Amino acid sequence: RTNLAVLILFLFMALFAVDVASAQSGAEAFAAGIPVSGRTVILGTWSWDIERNEQVRSKFVDVWWEQVNGEKKILVPIGRAGITRIPDRDYDSIGIADLAEMKYGRKGLENTFLTPGAVLALRTAEGNYAKIKVIGYRPPHDFSFEEVKLAGARWKNSVITQPDVLQYHLEVEWTLYPKPAIEP
């Protein structure tokens, strides 16, 4: 019994170390000028900082997933961030040179333009560039993804008593590119 407990503890610690190492290596790669990629579910009413891939309620973020009402949602750039939709382009074909040439707006993008497969460009508040592909949406009663842990048990207990809403959480795939170096 003791050996099994030790083995389970060892496996848990090894898995945790891999997660921490992956997060650190991603941050280190980005700091070294290497693009990083991921997949994130942006919680309804929450804000997202793509450089840290963190969702917080703060003004120091890149976008806010605003829930105007049951039907209308808007992905709103915050601070110095800007956003635009890239029609008729394949996500994989877009690189840093394309993103650096885009015209970014301060006006948010409504969910009617954020259909699965839609491609967006983001200039972050820090001046970096990202391409984003809409994967789809998750209703508030869906607790099967990692980010929902941020909402907490109190929110889950409250939301489960309410009707389910379509397009509440926004799921995206993304690649973040460091801002190009300024040439002398």
Protein backbone atom coordinates (compact mmCIF):
# COMPACT_ATOMS: atom_id res chain seq x y z
CA ARG A 1 0.00 0.00 0.00
CA THR A 2 2.77 2.44 0.91
CA ASN A 3 4.67 1.65 -2.30
CA LEU A 4 1.53 2.33 -4.35
CA ALA A 5 0.98 5.68 -2.59
CA VAL A 6 4.61 6.65 -3.19
CA LEU A 7 4.32 5.65 -6.86
CA ILE A 8 1.13 7.69 -7.31
CA LEU A 9 2.73 10.68 -5.59
CA PHE A 10 5.83 10.36 -7.78
CA LEU A 11 3.72 10.19 -10.98
CA PHE A 12 1.69 13.24 -9.91
CA MET A 13 4.86 15.20 -9.19
CA ALA A 14 6.35 14.19 -12.55
CA LEU A 15 3.22 15.29 -14.42
CA PHE A 16 3.14 18.61 -12.54
CA ALA A 17 6.82 19.19 -13.33
CA VAL A 18 6.15 18.61 -17.05
CA ASP A 19 3.30 21.18 -17.00
CA VAL A 20 5.48 23.74 -15.23
CA ALA A 21 8.40 23.01 -17.55
CA SER A 22 6.16 23.37 -20.62
CA ALA A 23 4.84 26.72 -19.41
CA GLN A 24 8.35 27.93 -18.59
CA SER A 25 9.79 26.69 -21.88
CA GLY A 26 6.95 28.48 -23.77
CA ALA A 27 7.66 31.74 -21.97
CA GLU A 28 11.40 31.29 -22.50
CA ALA A 29 10.90 30.52 -26.19
CA PHE A 30 8.74 33.61 -26.64
CA ALA A 31 11.28 35.75 -24.78
CA ALA A 32 13.92 34.39 -27.18
CA GLY A 33 11.85 35.55 -30.18
CA ILE A 34 10.23 32.20 -31.01
CA PRO A 35 6.46 32.14 -31.68
CA VAL A 36 4.30 30.15 -29.27
CA SER A 37 0.93 28.51 -29.91
CA GLY A 38 -1.97 27.22 -27.89
CA ARG A 39 -5.65 26.63 -27.57
CA THR A 40 -7.78 28.55 -25.08
CA VAL A 41 -11.40 28.84 -24.05
CA ILE A 42 -12.07 32.49 -23.21
CA LEU A 43 -14.69 32.52 -20.46
CA GLY A 44 -17.81 34.60 -20.97
CA THR A 45 -17.40 38.07 -19.36
CA TRP A 46 -13.67 37.47 -18.76
CA SER A 47 -10.60 39.16 -20.22
CA TRP A 48 -7.61 37.39 -21.74
CA ASP A 49 -3.91 38.27 -21.82
CA ILE A 50 -2.49 36.22 -24.68
CA GLU A 51 1.19 36.69 -23.76
CA ARG A 52 0.59 34.94 -20.44
CA ASN A 53 -2.39 32.93 -21.69
CA GLU A 54 -4.18 34.07 -18.54
CA GLN A 55 -7.74 35.15 -17.96
CA VAL A 56 -8.26 37.81 -15.38
CA ARG A 57 -10.57 40.68 -14.67
CA SER A 58 -8.07 43.47 -15.13
CA LYS A 59 -7.32 46.37 -17.44
CA PHE A 60 -3.89 44.88 -18.21
CA VAL A 61 -5.16 42.42 -20.82
CA ASP A 62 -5.61 42.22 -24.59
CA VAL A 63 -9.29 41.37 -25.14
CA TRP A 64 -12.56 41.16 -23.22
CA TRP A 65 -15.24 38.61 -24.19
CA GLU A 66 -18.22 40.85 -23.48
CA GLN A 67 -21.66 39.29 -23.04
CA VAL A 68 -24.00 42.10 -24.08
CA ASN A 69 -27.08 39.86 -23.83
CA GLY A 70 -28.15 36.29 -24.59
CA GLU A 71 -27.60 36.80 -28.30
CA LYS A 72 -24.96 39.50 -28.74
CA LYS A 73 -21.37 38.98 -27.67
CA ILE A 74 -18.34 41.09 -28.62
CA LEU A 75 -14.60 40.37 -28.54
CA VAL A 76 -13.35 43.80 -27.46
CA PRO A 77 -9.70 44.94 -27.65
CA ILE A 78 -8.49 46.53 -24.40
CA GLY A 79 -5.89 49.24 -23.82
CA ARG A 80 -3.49 49.56 -26.73
CA ALA A 81 -4.61 46.28 -28.32
CA GLY A 82 -6.25 46.20 -31.74
CA ILE A 83 -8.14 43.48 -33.60
CA THR A 84 -9.33 42.68 -37.11
CA ARG A 85 -10.98 39.82 -38.93
CA ILE A 86 -9.04 38.26 -41.82
CA PRO A 87 -11.55 37.08 -44.41
CA ASP A 88 -10.68 34.49 -47.05
CA ARG A 89 -7.30 33.51 -45.60
CA ASP A 90 -6.14 30.18 -44.34
CA TYR A 91 -4.92 30.31 -40.73
CA ASP A 92 -1.76 28.32 -41.47
CA SER A 93 -0.73 30.62 -44.35
CA ILE A 94 -0.55 33.74 -42.16
CA GLY A 95 2.82 34.75 -40.71
CA ILE A 96 4.36 37.61 -38.79
CA ALA A 97 4.95 39.67 -41.96
CA ASP A 98 1.23 39.49 -42.79
CA LEU A 99 0.25 40.42 -39.23
CA ALA A 100 2.65 43.38 -39.12
CA GLU A 101 1.00 44.81 -42.27
CA MET A 102 -2.62 44.54 -41.02
CA LYS A 103 -4.74 47.51 -40.04
CA TYR A 104 -6.04 46.95 -36.53
CA GLY A 105 -9.21 48.44 -35.19
CA ARG A 106 -10.29 49.40 -31.70
CA LYS A 107 -13.88 48.33 -32.34
CA GLY A 108 -14.83 44.90 -31.06
CA LEU A 109 -15.87 42.00 -33.26
CA GLU A 110 -19.39 40.68 -32.77
CA ASN A 111 -20.06 36.97 -32.47
CA THR A 112 -21.89 37.02 -35.83
CA PHE A 113 -18.40 37.43 -37.40
CA LEU A 114 -16.79 34.88 -35.07
CA THR A 115 -18.04 31.70 -36.68
CA PRO A 116 -16.03 28.47 -36.39
CA GLY A 117 -13.06 28.74 -38.74
CA ALA A 118 -12.99 32.56 -38.72
CA VAL A 119 -9.45 33.94 -38.63
CA LEU A 120 -8.51 37.07 -36.65
CA ALA A 121 -5.40 39.16 -36.19
CA LEU A 122 -4.55 40.74 -32.85
CA ARG A 123 -1.98 43.40 -32.02
CA THR A 124 -1.52 42.97 -28.30
CA ALA A 125 -1.32 45.74 -25.73
CA GLU A 126 2.42 44.98 -25.55
CA GLY A 127 2.84 45.39 -29.32
CA ASN A 128 3.18 41.71 -30.23
CA TYR A 129 1.12 40.05 -32.96
CA ALA A 130 -1.14 37.02 -32.92
CA LYS A 131 -3.28 35.10 -35.33
CA ILE A 132 -6.39 33.53 -33.86
CA LYS A 133 -8.76 30.93 -35.28
CA VAL A 134 -12.24 30.48 -33.84
CA ILE A 135 -12.76 26.82 -32.98
CA GLY A 136 -16.27 27.18 -31.59
CA TYR A 137 -18.27 27.92 -28.50
CA ARG A 138 -19.03 26.27 -25.17
CA PRO A 139 -22.23 26.78 -23.17
CA PRO A 140 -22.00 27.79 -19.48
CA HIS A 141 -23.22 24.35 -18.35
CA ASP A 142 -20.15 22.73 -19.95
CA PHE A 143 -17.57 22.16 -17.22
CA SER A 144 -15.35 19.80 -19.26
CA PHE A 145 -12.49 22.19 -20.12
CA GLU A 146 -9.53 23.43 -18.09
CA GLU A 147 -10.29 27.17 -18.04
CA VAL A 148 -13.69 26.72 -16.36
CA LYS A 149 -11.81 26.06 -13.11
CA LEU A 150 -11.10 29.79 -13.00
CA ALA A 151 -14.80 30.55 -12.56
CA GLY A 152 -14.96 28.63 -9.29
CA ALA A 153 -17.53 26.46 -7.56
CA ARG A 154 -19.77 29.35 -6.58
CA TRP A 155 -20.19 30.40 -10.23
CA LYS A 156 -20.81 26.79 -11.31
CA ASN A 157 -23.48 26.32 -8.64
CA SER A 158 -25.16 29.54 -9.72
CA VAL A 159 -25.00 29.02 -13.49
CA ILE A 160 -26.35 25.49 -13.40
CA THR A 161 -29.66 26.86 -12.08
CA GLN A 162 -29.96 29.20 -15.10
CA PRO A 163 -30.92 28.27 -18.67
CA ASP A 164 -27.99 27.24 -20.86
CA VAL A 165 -26.82 29.94 -23.29
CA LEU A 166 -25.32 29.34 -26.72
CA GLN A 167 -21.99 30.98 -27.56
CA TYR A 168 -21.10 31.80 -23.97
CA HIS A 169 -17.42 30.77 -23.86
CA LEU A 170 -15.25 31.31 -26.95
CA GLU A 171 -12.77 28.57 -27.90
CA VAL A 172 -9.79 29.66 -30.00
CA GLU A 173 -6.53 28.35 -31.41
CA TRP A 174 -3.73 30.93 -31.51
CA THR A 175 -0.13 31.65 -32.42
CA LEU A 176 1.64 34.56 -30.78
CA TYR A 177 4.60 36.22 -32.50
CA PRO A 178 7.04 38.56 -30.75
CA LYS A 179 7.00 42.08 -32.15
CA PRO A 180 9.54 42.55 -34.89
CA ALA A 181 12.80 44.14 -33.86
CA ILE A 182 13.16 47.73 -34.94
CA GLU A 183 15.85 47.96 -37.57
CA PRO A 184 18.49 50.71 -37.12
